[in-house]
PDB file of N, CA and C in Angstrom:
ATOM      1  N   LEU A   1      65.139 181.184  35.054  1.00  0.00           N
ATOM      2  CA  LEU A   1      65.128 182.244  34.092  1.00  0.00           C
ATOM      3  C   LEU A   1      63.906 183.023  34.390  1.00  0.00           C
ATOM      4  N   LEU A   2      64.078 184.471  34.111  1.00  0.00           N
ATOM      5  CA  LEU A   2      62.974 185.372  34.494  1.00  0.00           C
ATOM      6  C   LEU A   2      62.647 186.391  33.375  1.00  0.00           C
ATOM      7  N   PRO A   3      61.608 185.856  32.368  1.00  0.00           N
ATOM      8  CA  PRO A   3      61.379 186.470  31.232  1.00  0.00           C
ATOM      9  C   PRO A   3      60.891 187.894  31.475  1.00  0.00           C
ATOM     10  N   HIS A   4      61.371 188.937  30.816  1.00  0.00           N
ATOM     11  CA  HIS A   4      60.786 190.458  31.334  1.00  0.00           C
ATOM     12  C   HIS A   4      60.710 191.280  30.008  1.00  0.00           C
ATOM     13  N   ALA A   5      60.189 192.419  29.977  1.00  0.00           N
ATOM     14  CA  ALA A   5      60.291 193.182  29.048  1.00  0.00           C
ATOM     15  C   ALA A   5      60.971 194.379  29.318  1.00  0.00           C
ATOM     16  N   GLY A   6      61.794 194.952  28.526  1.00  0.00           N
ATOM     17  CA  GLY A   6      62.563 196.362  28.897  1.00  0.00           C
ATOM     18  C   GLY A   6      63.930 195.756  29.417  1.00  0.00           C
ATOM     19  N   ASP A   7      64.546 196.449  30.006  1.00  0.00           N
ATOM     20  CA  ASP A   7      65.802 196.264  30.938  1.00  0.00           C
ATOM     21  C   ASP A   7      65.685 195.728  31.979  1.00  0.00           C
ATOM     22  N   TRP A   8      66.690 195.245  32.676  1.00  0.00           N
ATOM     23  CA  TRP A   8      66.486 194.507  33.954  1.00  0.00           C
ATOM     24  C   TRP A   8      66.152 195.458  35.108  1.00  0.00           C
ATOM     25  N   ARG A   9      66.415 196.742  34.994  1.00  0.00           N
ATOM     26  CA  ARG A   9      66.007 197.687  36.099  1.00  0.00           C
ATOM     27  C   ARG A   9      64.617 198.037  36.003  1.00  0.00           C
ATOM     28  N   GLU A  10      64.111 198.211  34.768  1.00  0.00           N
ATOM     29  CA  GLU A  10      62.760 198.867  34.505  1.00  0.00           C
ATOM     30  C   GLU A  10      61.911 197.602  34.947  1.00  0.00           C
ATOM     31  N   ALA A  11      62.334 196.193  34.645  1.00  0.00           N
ATOM     32  CA  ALA A  11      61.392 195.236  34.927  1.00  0.00           C
ATOM     33  C   ALA A  11      61.734 194.746  36.564  1.00  0.00           C
ATOM     34  N   GLY A  12      62.482 195.441  37.123  1.00  0.00           N
ATOM     35  CA  GLY A  12      62.463 195.032  38.710  1.00  0.00           C
ATOM     36  C   GLY A  12      63.022 193.572  38.829  1.00  0.00           C
ATOM     37  N   VAL A  13      63.973 193.009  37.739  1.00  0.00           N
ATOM     38  CA  VAL A  13      64.629 191.924  38.100  1.00  0.00           C
ATOM     39  C   VAL A  13      65.596 191.507  39.194  1.00  0.00           C
ATOM     40  N   TRP A  14      66.253 192.786  39.797  1.00  0.00           N
ATOM     41  CA  TRP A  14      66.725 192.471  41.118  1.00  0.00           C
ATOM     42  C   TRP A  14      65.726 192.258  42.073  1.00  0.00           C
ATOM     43  N   LYS A  15      64.708 192.955  42.257  1.00  0.00           N
ATOM     44  CA  LYS A  15      63.709 192.692  43.474  1.00  0.00           C
ATOM     45  C   LYS A  15      62.953 191.290  43.535  1.00  0.00           C
ATOM     46  N   ALA A  16      62.900 190.864  42.304  1.00  0.00           N
ATOM     47  CA  ALA A  16      62.375 189.731  42.064  1.00  0.00           C
ATOM     48  C   ALA A  16      63.288 188.310  42.666  1.00  0.00           C
ATOM     49  N   CYS A  17      64.669 188.833  42.162  1.00  0.00           N
ATOM     50  CA  CYS A  17      65.909 187.824  42.355  1.00  0.00           C
ATOM     51  C   CYS A  17      66.105 187.855  44.086  1.00  0.00           C
ATOM     52  N   CYS A  18      65.825 188.920  44.805  1.00  0.00           N
ATOM     53  CA  CYS A  18      66.090 188.909  45.992  1.00  0.00           C
ATOM     54  C   CYS A  18      64.851 188.454  46.746  1.00  0.00           C
ATOM     55  N   GLY A  19      63.716 188.613  46.204  1.00  0.00           N
ATOM     56  CA  GLY A  19      62.387 187.996  46.767  1.00  0.00           C
ATOM     57  C   GLY A  19      62.400 186.237  46.694  1.00  0.00           C
ATOM     58  N   TRP A  20      62.994 185.843  45.759  1.00  0.00           N
ATOM     59  CA  TRP A  20      63.304 184.643  45.629  1.00  0.00           C
ATOM     60  C   TRP A  20      64.504 183.833  46.261  1.00  0.00           C
ATOM     61  N   ASN A  21      65.525 184.407  46.482  1.00  0.00           N
ATOM     62  CA  ASN A  21      66.694 184.074  47.253  1.00  0.00           C
ATOM     63  C   ASN A  21      66.823 184.441  48.492  1.00  0.00           C
ATOM     64  N   GLU A  22      66.078 185.392  48.955  1.00  0.00           N
ATOM     65  CA  GLU A  22      65.912 185.859  50.522  1.00  0.00           C
ATOM     66  C   GLU A  22      64.614 185.907  50.891  1.00  0.00           C
ATOM     67  N   PRO A  23      64.029 184.898  51.284  1.00  0.00           N
ATOM     68  CA  PRO A  23      62.658 184.856  51.810  1.00  0.00           C
ATOM     69  C   PRO A  23      62.593 185.843  52.775  1.00  0.00           C
ATOM     70  N   LEU A  24      61.253 186.315  53.131  1.00  0.00           N
ATOM     71  CA  LEU A  24      61.049 187.179  54.246  1.00  0.00           C
ATOM     72  C   LEU A  24      60.785 186.150  55.285  1.00  0.00           C
ATOM     73  N   TYR A  25      61.213 186.214  56.774  1.00  0.00           N
ATOM     74  CA  TYR A  25      60.850 185.692  57.716  1.00  0.00           C
ATOM     75  C   TYR A  25      60.401 186.405  58.844  1.00  0.00           C
ATOM     76  N   VAL A  26      59.044 186.070  59.346  1.00  0.00           N
ATOM     77  CA  VAL A  26      58.595 187.219  60.105  1.00  0.00           C
ATOM     78  C   VAL A  26      58.534 186.483  61.660  1.00  0.00           C
ATOM     79  N   ARG A  27      58.373 187.387  62.423  1.00  0.00           N
ATOM     80  CA  ARG A  27      58.401 186.906  64.184  1.00  0.00           C
ATOM     81  C   ARG A  27      56.924 187.734  64.574  1.00  0.00           C
ATOM     82  N   ALA A  28      56.337 187.113  65.451  1.00  0.00           N
ATOM     83  CA  ALA A  28      55.351 188.038  66.021  1.00  0.00           C
ATOM     84  C   ALA A  28      55.835 189.145  67.000  1.00  0.00           C
ATOM     85  N   ALA A  29      55.202 190.097  67.018  1.00  0.00           N
ATOM     86  CA  ALA A  29      55.570 191.347  68.059  1.00  0.00           C
ATOM     87  C   ALA A  29      55.576 191.051  69.308  1.00  0.00           C
ATOM     88  N   GLU A  30      56.392 191.538  70.144  1.00  0.00           N
ATOM     89  CA  GLU A  30      56.397 191.301  71.512  1.00  0.00           C
ATOM     90  C   GLU A  30      55.520 192.176  72.440  1.00  0.00           C
ATOM     91  N   ARG A  31      55.206 193.525  71.770  1.00  0.00           N
ATOM     92  CA  ARG A  31      54.599 194.397  72.110  1.00  0.00           C
ATOM     93  C   ARG A  31      53.336 194.514  71.036  1.00  0.00           C
ATOM     94  N   LYS A  32      51.999 194.795  71.553  1.00  0.00           N
ATOM     95  CA  LYS A  32      51.007 195.030  70.695  1.00  0.00           C
ATOM     96  C   LYS A  32      51.283 196.346  69.915  1.00  0.00           C
ATOM     97  N   SER A  33      51.582 197.323  70.356  1.00  0.00           N
ATOM     98  CA  SER A  33      51.888 198.736  69.966  1.00  0.00           C
ATOM     99  C   SER A  33      52.531 198.625  68.780  1.00  0.00           C
ATOM    100  N   VAL A  34      53.415 197.751  68.482  1.00  0.00           N
ATOM    101  CA  VAL A  34      54.429 197.792  67.381  1.00  0.00           C
ATOM    102  C   VAL A  34      53.859 196.844  66.208  1.00  0.00           C
ATOM    103  N   ALA A  35      52.865 196.152  66.700  1.00  0.00           N
ATOM    104  CA  ALA A  35      52.323 194.859  65.634  1.00  0.00           C
ATOM    105  C   ALA A  35      51.854 195.757  64.488  1.00  0.00           C
ATOM    106  N   GLY A  36      52.076 195.456  63.118  1.00  0.00           N
ATOM    107  CA  GLY A  36      51.781 195.829  61.962  1.00  0.00           C
ATOM    108  C   GLY A  36      52.196 197.138  61.481  1.00  0.00           C
ATOM    109  N   ARG A  37      53.343 197.799  62.118  1.00  0.00           N
ATOM    110  CA  ARG A  37      54.185 198.632  61.703  1.00  0.00           C
ATOM    111  C   ARG A  37      55.624 198.497  61.582  1.00  0.00           C
ATOM    112  N   PRO A  38      55.976 198.791  60.171  1.00  0.00           N
ATOM    113  CA  PRO A  38      57.314 198.519  59.861  1.00  0.00           C
ATOM    114  C   PRO A  38      58.125 199.186  60.515  1.00  0.00           C
ATOM    115  N   PHE A  39      59.411 198.924  60.997  1.00  0.00           N
ATOM    116  CA  PHE A  39      60.469 199.490  61.509  1.00  0.00           C
ATOM    117  C   PHE A  39      60.931 200.602  60.555  1.00  0.00           C
ATOM    118  N   VAL A  40      61.391 200.210  59.265  1.00  0.00           N
ATOM    119  CA  VAL A  40      61.980 201.013  58.442  1.00  0.00           C
ATOM    120  C   VAL A  40      61.082 200.810  57.119  1.00  0.00           C
ATOM    121  N   GLU A  41      60.895 201.934  56.517  1.00  0.00           N
ATOM    122  CA  GLU A  41      60.110 201.989  55.418  1.00  0.00           C
ATOM    123  C   GLU A  41      60.861 202.926  54.333  1.00  0.00           C
ATOM    124  N   ILE A  42      61.134 202.278  53.069  1.00  0.00           N
ATOM    125  CA  ILE A  42      61.531 202.847  52.177  1.00  0.00           C
ATOM    126  C   ILE A  42      60.625 203.353  51.063  1.00  0.00           C
ATOM    127  N   GLU A  43      60.592 204.633  50.521  1.00  0.00           N
ATOM    128  CA  GLU A  43      59.580 204.911  49.469  1.00  0.00           C
ATOM    129  C   GLU A  43      60.165 204.631  48.177  1.00  0.00           C
ATOM    130  N   GLY A  44      59.434 204.382  47.171  1.00  0.00           N
ATOM    131  CA  GLY A  44      59.728 204.116  45.793  1.00  0.00           C
ATOM    132  C   GLY A  44      60.319 202.948  45.645  1.00  0.00           C
ATOM    133  N   ALA A  45      60.244 202.430  44.419  1.00  0.00           N
ATOM    134  CA  ALA A  45      60.684 201.279  43.697  1.00  0.00           C
ATOM    135  C   ALA A  45      61.985 201.024  43.451  1.00  0.00           C
ATOM    136  N   GLY A  46      62.681 200.016  43.232  1.00  0.00           N
ATOM    137  CA  GLY A  46      64.035 199.939  42.893  1.00  0.00           C
ATOM    138  C   GLY A  46      65.111 199.918  43.978  1.00  0.00           C
ATOM    139  N   TYR A  47      64.505 200.214  45.340  1.00  0.00           N
ATOM    140  CA  TYR A  47      65.491 200.171  46.681  1.00  0.00           C
ATOM    141  C   TYR A  47      65.410 198.928  47.339  1.00  0.00           C
ATOM    142  N   GLU A  48      66.295 198.783  48.114  1.00  0.00           N
ATOM    143  CA  GLU A  48      66.469 197.473  48.873  1.00  0.00           C
ATOM    144  C   GLU A  48      67.097 197.949  50.152  1.00  0.00           C
ATOM    145  N   LEU A  49      66.285 197.562  51.098  1.00  0.00           N
ATOM    146  CA  LEU A  49      67.068 197.384  52.485  1.00  0.00           C
ATOM    147  C   LEU A  49      68.019 196.216  52.573  1.00  0.00           C
ATOM    148  N   SER A  50      69.318 196.544  52.497  1.00  0.00           N
ATOM    149  CA  SER A  50      70.416 195.300  52.455  1.00  0.00           C
ATOM    150  C   SER A  50      70.905 194.990  53.669  1.00  0.00           C
ATOM    151  N   SER A  51      70.588 195.587  54.543  1.00  0.00           N
ATOM    152  CA  SER A  51      71.123 195.363  55.957  1.00  0.00           C
ATOM    153  C   SER A  51      70.660 196.192  57.125  1.00  0.00           C
ATOM    154  N   ALA A  52      70.624 195.619  58.153  1.00  0.00           N
ATOM    155  CA  ALA A  52      69.953 196.369  59.484  1.00  0.00           C
ATOM    156  C   ALA A  52      70.583 195.816  60.524  1.00  0.00           C
ATOM    157  N   ARG A  53      71.085 196.550  61.499  1.00  0.00           N
ATOM    158  CA  ARG A  53      71.730 196.040  62.596  1.00  0.00           C
ATOM    159  C   ARG A  53      71.655 196.922  63.802  1.00  0.00           C
ATOM    160  N   ARG A  54      71.901 196.791  64.976  1.00  0.00           N
ATOM    161  CA  ARG A  54      71.956 197.653  65.903  1.00  0.00           C
ATOM    162  C   ARG A  54      73.446 197.644  66.477  1.00  0.00           C
ATOM    163  N   ARG A  55      73.997 198.941  66.420  1.00  0.00           N
ATOM    164  CA  ARG A  55      75.327 199.164  67.015  1.00  0.00           C
ATOM    165  C   ARG A  55      75.406 200.200  68.000  1.00  0.00           C
ATOM    166  N   GLY A  56      75.530 199.581  69.379  1.00  0.00           N
ATOM    167  CA  GLY A  56      75.392 200.338  70.424  1.00  0.00           C
ATOM    168  C   GLY A  56      74.016 201.146  70.577  1.00  0.00           C
ATOM    169  N   GLY A  57      74.023 202.365  70.717  1.00  0.00           N
ATOM    170  CA  GLY A  57      72.824 203.258  70.845  1.00  0.00           C
ATOM    171  C   GLY A  57      72.135 203.592  69.564  1.00  0.00           C
ATOM    172  N   GLU A  58      72.770 203.106  68.590  1.00  0.00           N
ATOM    173  CA  GLU A  58      72.214 203.397  67.046  1.00  0.00           C
ATOM    174  C   GLU A  58      71.657 202.248  66.298  1.00  0.00           C
ATOM    175  N   ALA A  59      71.065 202.496  65.310  1.00  0.00           N
ATOM    176  CA  ALA A  59      70.546 201.584  64.400  1.00  0.00           C
ATOM    177  C   ALA A  59      71.311 201.717  63.088  1.00  0.00           C
ATOM    178  N   GLU A  60      71.903 200.656  62.650  1.00  0.00           N
ATOM    179  CA  GLU A  60      72.547 201.153  61.276  1.00  0.00           C
ATOM    180  C   GLU A  60      71.767 200.394  59.999  1.00  0.00           C
ATOM    181  N   ILE A  61      71.435 201.025  59.085  1.00  0.00           N
ATOM    182  CA  ILE A  61      70.996 200.490  57.990  1.00  0.00           C
ATOM    183  C   ILE A  61      71.554 200.768  56.795  1.00  0.00           C
ATOM    184  N   ARG A  62      71.495 199.794  55.483  1.00  0.00           N
ATOM    185  CA  ARG A  62      72.261 200.123  54.423  1.00  0.00           C
ATOM    186  C   ARG A  62      71.128 199.948  53.212  1.00  0.00           C
ATOM    187  N   ILE A  63      71.136 200.974  52.339  1.00  0.00           N
ATOM    188  CA  ILE A  63      70.021 201.062  51.476  1.00  0.00           C
ATOM    189  C   ILE A  63      70.771 201.004  50.095  1.00  0.00           C
ATOM    190  N   PHE A  64      70.299 199.938  49.162  1.00  0.00           N
ATOM    191  CA  PHE A  64      70.982 199.745  47.856  1.00  0.00           C
ATOM    192  C   PHE A  64      69.744 200.214  46.903  1.00  0.00           C
ATOM    193  N   ASN A  65      70.455 200.933  45.888  1.00  0.00           N
ATOM    194  CA  ASN A  65      69.636 201.481  44.686  1.00  0.00           C
ATOM    195  C   ASN A  65      69.717 200.458  43.536  1.00  0.00           C
ATOM    196  N   ALA A  66      68.881 199.520  43.242  1.00  0.00           N
ATOM    197  CA  ALA A  66      68.974 198.608  42.081  1.00  0.00           C
ATOM    198  C   ALA A  66      68.246 199.325  40.907  1.00  0.00           C
ATOM    199  N   GLY A  67      67.684 200.310  41.058  1.00  0.00           N
ATOM    200  CA  GLY A  67      66.994 201.013  39.981  1.00  0.00           C
ATOM    201  C   GLY A  67      68.056 202.214  39.471  1.00  0.00           C
ATOM    202  N   ALA A  68      67.211 203.087  38.481  1.00  0.00           N
ATOM    203  CA  ALA A  68      68.068 203.903  37.644  1.00  0.00           C
ATOM    204  C   ALA A  68      67.619 205.208  38.244  1.00  0.00           C
ATOM    205  N   ASP A  69      66.910 205.367  39.233  1.00  0.00           N
ATOM    206  CA  ASP A  69      66.674 206.759  39.938  1.00  0.00           C
ATOM    207  C   ASP A  69      67.593 207.266  40.642  1.00  0.00           C
ATOM    208  N   ASP A  70      68.217 208.507  40.283  1.00  0.00           N
ATOM    209  CA  ASP A  70      69.272 209.009  41.304  1.00  0.00           C
ATOM    210  C   ASP A  70      68.674 210.029  42.207  1.00  0.00           C
ATOM    211  N   GLY A  71      67.529 210.552  42.264  1.00  0.00           N
ATOM    212  CA  GLY A  71      66.898 211.386  43.075  1.00  0.00           C
ATOM    213  C   GLY A  71      66.994 210.735  44.680  1.00  0.00           C
ATOM    214  N   PRO A  72      66.598 211.610  45.521  1.00  0.00           N
ATOM    215  CA  PRO A  72      66.836 211.215  46.886  1.00  0.00           C
ATOM    216  C   PRO A  72      65.395 210.279  47.101  1.00  0.00           C
ATOM    217  N   VAL A  73      65.693 209.519  48.013  1.00  0.00           N
ATOM    218  CA  VAL A  73      64.563 208.676  48.247  1.00  0.00           C
ATOM    219  C   VAL A  73      64.234 208.880  49.906  1.00  0.00           C
ATOM    220  N   GLY A  74      62.842 208.733  50.321  1.00  0.00           N
ATOM    221  CA  GLY A  74      62.577 209.035  51.584  1.00  0.00           C
ATOM    222  C   GLY A  74      62.505 207.820  52.309  1.00  0.00           C
ATOM    223  N   VAL A  75      63.084 207.961  53.491  1.00  0.00           N
ATOM    224  CA  VAL A  75      63.342 206.911  54.517  1.00  0.00           C
ATOM    225  C   VAL A  75      62.589 207.130  55.872  1.00  0.00           C
ATOM    226  N   SER A  76      61.753 206.359  56.151  1.00  0.00           N
ATOM    227  CA  SER A  76      61.105 206.772  57.501  1.00  0.00           C
ATOM    228  C   SER A  76      61.289 205.499  58.764  1.00  0.00           C
ATOM    229  N   PHE A  77      61.510 205.907  59.866  1.00  0.00           N
ATOM    230  CA  PHE A  77      61.528 204.998  60.932  1.00  0.00           C
ATOM    231  C   PHE A  77      60.346 204.963  62.052  1.00  0.00           C
ATOM    232  N   GLY A  78      59.972 203.752  62.136  1.00  0.00           N
ATOM    233  CA  GLY A  78      58.806 203.367  63.125  1.00  0.00           C
ATOM    234  C   GLY A  78      59.213 203.483  64.617  1.00  0.00           C
ATOM    235  N   PHE A  79      60.271 203.813  65.026  1.00  0.00           N
ATOM    236  CA  PHE A  79      60.838 203.745  66.286  1.00  0.00           C
ATOM    237  C   PHE A  79      61.327 205.188  66.613  1.00  0.00           C
ATOM    238  N   GLY A  80      61.771 205.375  68.059  1.00  0.00           N
ATOM    239  CA  GLY A  80      62.220 206.562  68.470  1.00  0.00           C
ATOM    240  C   GLY A  80      63.632 206.849  67.658  1.00  0.00           C
ATOM    241  N   VAL A  81      63.741 207.962  67.206  1.00  0.00           N
ATOM    242  CA  VAL A  81      65.063 208.457  66.494  1.00  0.00           C
ATOM    243  C   VAL A  81      65.511 209.959  66.972  1.00  0.00           C
ATOM    244  N   SER A  82      66.830 209.975  67.591  1.00  0.00           N
ATOM    245  CA  SER A  82      67.104 211.273  68.099  1.00  0.00           C
ATOM    246  C   SER A  82      67.695 212.051  66.831  1.00  0.00           C
ATOM    247  N   GLU A  83      68.407 211.572  66.024  1.00  0.00           N
ATOM    248  CA  GLU A  83      69.076 211.985  64.626  1.00  0.00           C
ATOM    249  C   GLU A  83      69.491 211.100  63.700  1.00  0.00           C
ATOM    250  N   VAL A  84      69.428 211.153  62.391  1.00  0.00           N
ATOM    251  CA  VAL A  84      69.883 210.240  61.353  1.00  0.00           C
ATOM    252  C   VAL A  84      71.086 211.046  60.702  1.00  0.00           C
ATOM    253  N   ARG A  85      72.097 210.051  60.237  1.00  0.00           N
ATOM    254  CA  ARG A  85      73.162 210.615  59.607  1.00  0.00           C
ATOM    255  C   ARG A  85      73.732 209.756  58.561  1.00  0.00           C
ATOM    256  N   THR A  86      74.183 210.096  57.405  1.00  0.00           N
ATOM    257  CA  THR A  86      75.016 209.111  56.671  1.00  0.00           C
ATOM    258  C   THR A  86      76.538 208.875  57.178  1.00  0.00           C
ATOM    259  N   VAL A  87      76.774 207.718  56.855  1.00  0.00           N
ATOM    260  CA  VAL A  87      78.283 207.499  57.390  1.00  0.00           C
ATOM    261  C   VAL A  87      78.846 206.603  56.354  1.00  0.00           C
ATOM    262  N   ARG A  88      80.269 206.919  56.281  1.00  0.00           N
ATOM    263  CA  ARG A  88      81.266 206.481  55.302  1.00  0.00           C
ATOM    264  C   ARG A  88      81.399 204.839  55.735  1.00  0.00           C
ATOM    265  N   LEU A  89      81.871 204.187  55.056  1.00  0.00           N
ATOM    266  CA  LEU A  89      82.343 202.668  55.234  1.00  0.00           C
ATOM    267  C   LEU A  89      83.092 202.519  56.423  1.00  0.00           C
ATOM    268  N   ASP A  90      83.789 203.450  56.845  1.00  0.00           N
ATOM    269  CA  ASP A  90      84.863 203.552  58.234  1.00  0.00           C
ATOM    270  C   ASP A  90      84.123 203.921  59.404  1.00  0.00           C
ATOM    271  N   GLY A  91      82.805 204.484  59.153  1.00  0.00           N
ATOM    272  CA  GLY A  91      81.999 204.665  60.333  1.00  0.00           C
ATOM    273  C   GLY A  91      81.931 206.177  60.620  1.00  0.00           C
ATOM    274  N   THR A  92      82.833 207.178  59.786  1.00  0.00           N
ATOM    275  CA  THR A  92      82.666 208.369  59.980  1.00  0.00           C
ATOM    276  C   THR A  92      81.642 209.157  59.288  1.00  0.00           C
ATOM    277  N   THR A  93      81.106 210.130  60.111  1.00  0.00           N
ATOM    278  CA  THR A  93      80.114 210.799  59.559  1.00  0.00           C
ATOM    279  C   THR A  93      80.368 211.696  58.431  1.00  0.00           C
ATOM    280  N   GLU A  94      79.427 211.342  57.603  1.00  0.00           N
ATOM    281  CA  GLU A  94      79.322 212.146  56.191  1.00  0.00           C
ATOM    282  C   GLU A  94      78.582 213.589  56.410  1.00  0.00           C
ATOM    283  N   ARG A  95      77.393 213.483  56.763  1.00  0.00           N
ATOM    284  CA  ARG A  95      76.349 214.434  57.220  1.00  0.00           C
ATOM    285  C   ARG A  95      75.118 214.267  57.928  1.00  0.00           C
ATOM    286  N   VAL A  96      74.668 214.961  58.657  1.00  0.00           N
ATOM    287  CA  VAL A  96      73.539 214.742  59.320  1.00  0.00           C
ATOM    288  C   VAL A  96      72.359 215.221  58.540  1.00  0.00           C
ATOM    289  N   LEU A  97      71.268 214.207  58.437  1.00  0.00           N
ATOM    290  CA  LEU A  97      70.050 214.747  57.634  1.00  0.00           C
ATOM    291  C   LEU A  97      68.914 215.362  58.379  1.00  0.00           C
ATOM    292  N   ALA A  98      68.230 216.201  57.802  1.00  0.00           N
ATOM    293  CA  ALA A  98      67.267 216.943  58.197  1.00  0.00           C
ATOM    294  C   ALA A  98      66.079 215.913  58.518  1.00  0.00           C
ATOM    295  N   ALA A  99      65.498 215.790  59.562  1.00  0.00           N
ATOM    296  CA  ALA A  99      64.529 215.047  59.833  1.00  0.00           C
ATOM    297  C   ALA A  99      63.080 215.534  60.175  1.00  0.00           C
ATOM    298  N   GLU A 100      62.092 215.058  59.602  1.00  0.00           N
ATOM    299  CA  GLU A 100      60.753 215.361  59.814  1.00  0.00           C
ATOM    300  C   GLU A 100      60.090 214.315  60.849  1.00  0.00           C
ATOM    301  N   ARG A 101      59.236 214.692  61.877  1.00  0.00           N
ATOM    302  CA  ARG A 101      58.758 213.745  62.841  1.00  0.00           C
ATOM    303  C   ARG A 101      57.155 214.077  62.410  1.00  0.00           C
ATOM    304  N   ARG A 102      56.344 212.890  62.278  1.00  0.00           N
ATOM    305  CA  ARG A 102      55.138 213.233  62.032  1.00  0.00           C
ATOM    306  C   ARG A 102      54.438 211.652  62.314  1.00  0.00           C
ATOM    307  N   GLY A 103      53.154 211.779  63.033  1.00  0.00           N
ATOM    308  CA  GLY A 103      52.439 210.467  63.221  1.00  0.00           C
ATOM    309  C   GLY A 103      53.170 209.271  63.737  1.00  0.00           C
ATOM    310  N   GLY A 104      54.076 209.453  64.885  1.00  0.00           N
ATOM    311  CA  GLY A 104      55.191 208.399  65.511  1.00  0.00           C
ATOM    312  C   GLY A 104      56.140 208.002  64.547  1.00  0.00           C
ATOM    313  N   ARG A 105      56.343 208.590  63.399  1.00  0.00           N
ATOM    314  CA  ARG A 105      57.534 208.014  62.486  1.00  0.00           C
ATOM    315  C   ARG A 105      58.520 209.283  62.208  1.00  0.00           C
ATOM    316  N   THR A 106      59.845 208.982  61.949  1.00  0.00           N
ATOM    317  CA  THR A 106      60.693 210.131  61.811  1.00  0.00           C
ATOM    318  C   THR A 106      61.255 209.678  60.219  1.00  0.00           C
ATOM    319  N   ARG A 107      61.048 210.756  59.504  1.00  0.00           N
ATOM    320  CA  ARG A 107      61.334 210.802  58.043  1.00  0.00           C
ATOM    321  C   ARG A 107      62.546 211.571  57.550  1.00  0.00           C
ATOM    322  N   VAL A 108      63.253 210.910  56.808  1.00  0.00           N
ATOM    323  CA  VAL A 108      64.482 211.673  56.067  1.00  0.00           C
ATOM    324  C   VAL A 108      64.507 211.500  54.615  1.00  0.00           C
ATOM    325  N   GLU A 109      65.132 212.319  53.811  1.00  0.00           N
ATOM    326  CA  GLU A 109      65.155 212.328  52.394  1.00  0.00           C
ATOM    327  C   GLU A 109      66.993 211.899  52.178  1.00  0.00           C
ATOM    328  N   VAL A 110      67.353 210.875  51.420  1.00  0.00           N
ATOM    329  CA  VAL A 110      68.674 210.850  51.141  1.00  0.00           C
ATOM    330  C   VAL A 110      68.876 210.374  49.893  1.00  0.00           C
ATOM    331  N   PRO A 111      69.864 211.146  49.097  1.00  0.00           N
ATOM    332  CA  PRO A 111      70.249 210.520  47.620  1.00  0.00           C
ATOM    333  C   PRO A 111      71.056 209.133  47.875  1.00  0.00           C
ATOM    334  N   VAL A 112      70.678 208.146  46.803  1.00  0.00           N
ATOM    335  CA  VAL A 112      71.278 206.871  46.679  1.00  0.00           C
ATOM    336  C   VAL A 112      71.604 206.818  45.385  1.00  0.00           C
ATOM    337  N   PRO A 113      72.841 206.772  44.790  1.00  0.00           N
ATOM    338  CA  PRO A 113      73.151 206.785  43.359  1.00  0.00           C
ATOM    339  C   PRO A 113      72.734 205.310  42.813  1.00  0.00           C
ATOM    340  N   PRO A 114      72.364 205.437  41.408  1.00  0.00           N
ATOM    341  CA  PRO A 114      72.020 204.070  40.751  1.00  0.00           C
ATOM    342  C   PRO A 114      73.115 203.266  40.887  1.00  0.00           C
ATOM    343  N   SER A 115      72.846 201.987  41.324  1.00  0.00           N
ATOM    344  CA  SER A 115      73.911 200.786  41.554  1.00  0.00           C
ATOM    345  C   SER A 115      74.537 201.118  42.652  1.00  0.00           C
ATOM    346  N   GLY A 116      74.318 202.129  43.650  1.00  0.00           N
ATOM    347  CA  GLY A 116      75.285 202.385  44.795  1.00  0.00           C
ATOM    348  C   GLY A 116      74.451 202.182  45.928  1.00  0.00           C
ATOM    349  N   PHE A 117      75.097 202.679  47.203  1.00  0.00           N
ATOM    350  CA  PHE A 117      74.087 202.363  48.343  1.00  0.00           C
ATOM    351  C   PHE A 117      74.583 203.448  49.217  1.00  0.00           C
ATOM    352  N   VAL A 118      74.188 203.597  50.265  1.00  0.00           N
ATOM    353  CA  VAL A 118      74.166 204.631  51.501  1.00  0.00           C
ATOM    354  C   VAL A 118      73.775 203.894  52.863  1.00  0.00           C
ATOM    355  N   THR A 119      74.888 204.210  53.838  1.00  0.00           N
ATOM    356  CA  THR A 119      74.625 203.530  54.929  1.00  0.00           C
ATOM    357  C   THR A 119      74.155 204.776  56.121  1.00  0.00           C
ATOM    358  N   LEU A 120      72.914 204.542  56.576  1.00  0.00           N
ATOM    359  CA  LEU A 120      72.327 205.473  57.823  1.00  0.00           C
ATOM    360  C   LEU A 120      72.833 204.943  59.130  1.00  0.00           C
ATOM    361  N   ARG A 121      72.808 205.900  60.161  1.00  0.00           N
ATOM    362  CA  ARG A 121      72.910 205.687  61.420  1.00  0.00           C
ATOM    363  C   ARG A 121      71.872 206.477  62.099  1.00  0.00           C
ATOM    364  N   ALA A 122      70.916 205.871  62.735  1.00  0.00           N
ATOM    365  CA  ALA A 122      69.746 206.548  63.597  1.00  0.00           C
ATOM    366  C   ALA A 122      70.122 206.581  65.038  1.00  0.00           C
ATOM    367  N   GLY A 123      70.253 207.558  65.613  1.00  0.00           N
ATOM    368  CA  GLY A 123      70.324 207.543  67.146  1.00  0.00           C
ATOM    369  C   GLY A 123      68.996 206.898  67.722  1.00  0.00           C
ATOM    370  N   LEU A 124      69.200 206.103  68.711  1.00  0.00           N
ATOM    371  CA  LEU A 124      67.925 205.482  69.059  1.00  0.00           C
ATOM    372  C   LEU A 124      67.475 206.345  70.466  1.00  0.00           C
ATOM    373  N   SER A 125      66.122 206.719  70.465  1.00  0.00           N
ATOM    374  CA  SER A 125      65.572 207.588  71.340  1.00  0.00           C
ATOM    375  C   SER A 125      64.143 206.885  71.851  1.00  0.00           C
ATOM    376  N   ASP A 126      63.895 207.417  73.218  1.00  0.00           N
ATOM    377  CA  ASP A 126      62.381 206.932  73.464  1.00  0.00           C
ATOM    378  C   ASP A 126      61.312 207.760  72.912  1.00  0.00           C
ATOM    379  N   ARG A 127      61.717 208.795  72.333  1.00  0.00           N
ATOM    380  CA  ARG A 127      60.737 209.796  71.630  1.00  0.00           C
ATOM    381  C   ARG A 127      60.133 209.275  70.369  1.00  0.00           C
ATOM    382  N   THR A 128      59.072 209.311  70.413  1.00  0.00           N
ATOM    383  CA  THR A 128      58.097 208.782  69.006  1.00  0.00           C
ATOM    384  C   THR A 128      57.293 209.673  68.533  1.00  0.00           C
ATOM    385  N   ASP A 129      57.158 211.028  68.989  1.00  0.00           N
ATOM    386  CA  ASP A 129      56.241 211.944  68.358  1.00  0.00           C
ATOM    387  C   ASP A 129      56.603 212.828  67.217  1.00  0.00           C
TER     388      ASP A 129
END
């Protein structure tokens, strides 16, 4: 049981449940240059990186919105990215997102509906500027 005030979204029950049932496992970085930098960073509360994998020359990530916010969420990548696009479950492109590169990261904004998810595919690149 997890006593909380307000409704489950406002109290962050989903995040607490995930932290309990899916503990974070870490591994030492193989290169010093990437140590301490997140590969994917999601701005805002109530969002969860529910899956991440490499598919050929792309990184595929799925973001779940456990909160009530329906505005766009900022997502930044700490590795070289050529383009970022949203894809449907069958893998077809929905749209290419406008990307901003700054400080070695690539940032995009993407809408994720409440209790919904979005799948992003980021083309991998050696470029990190």
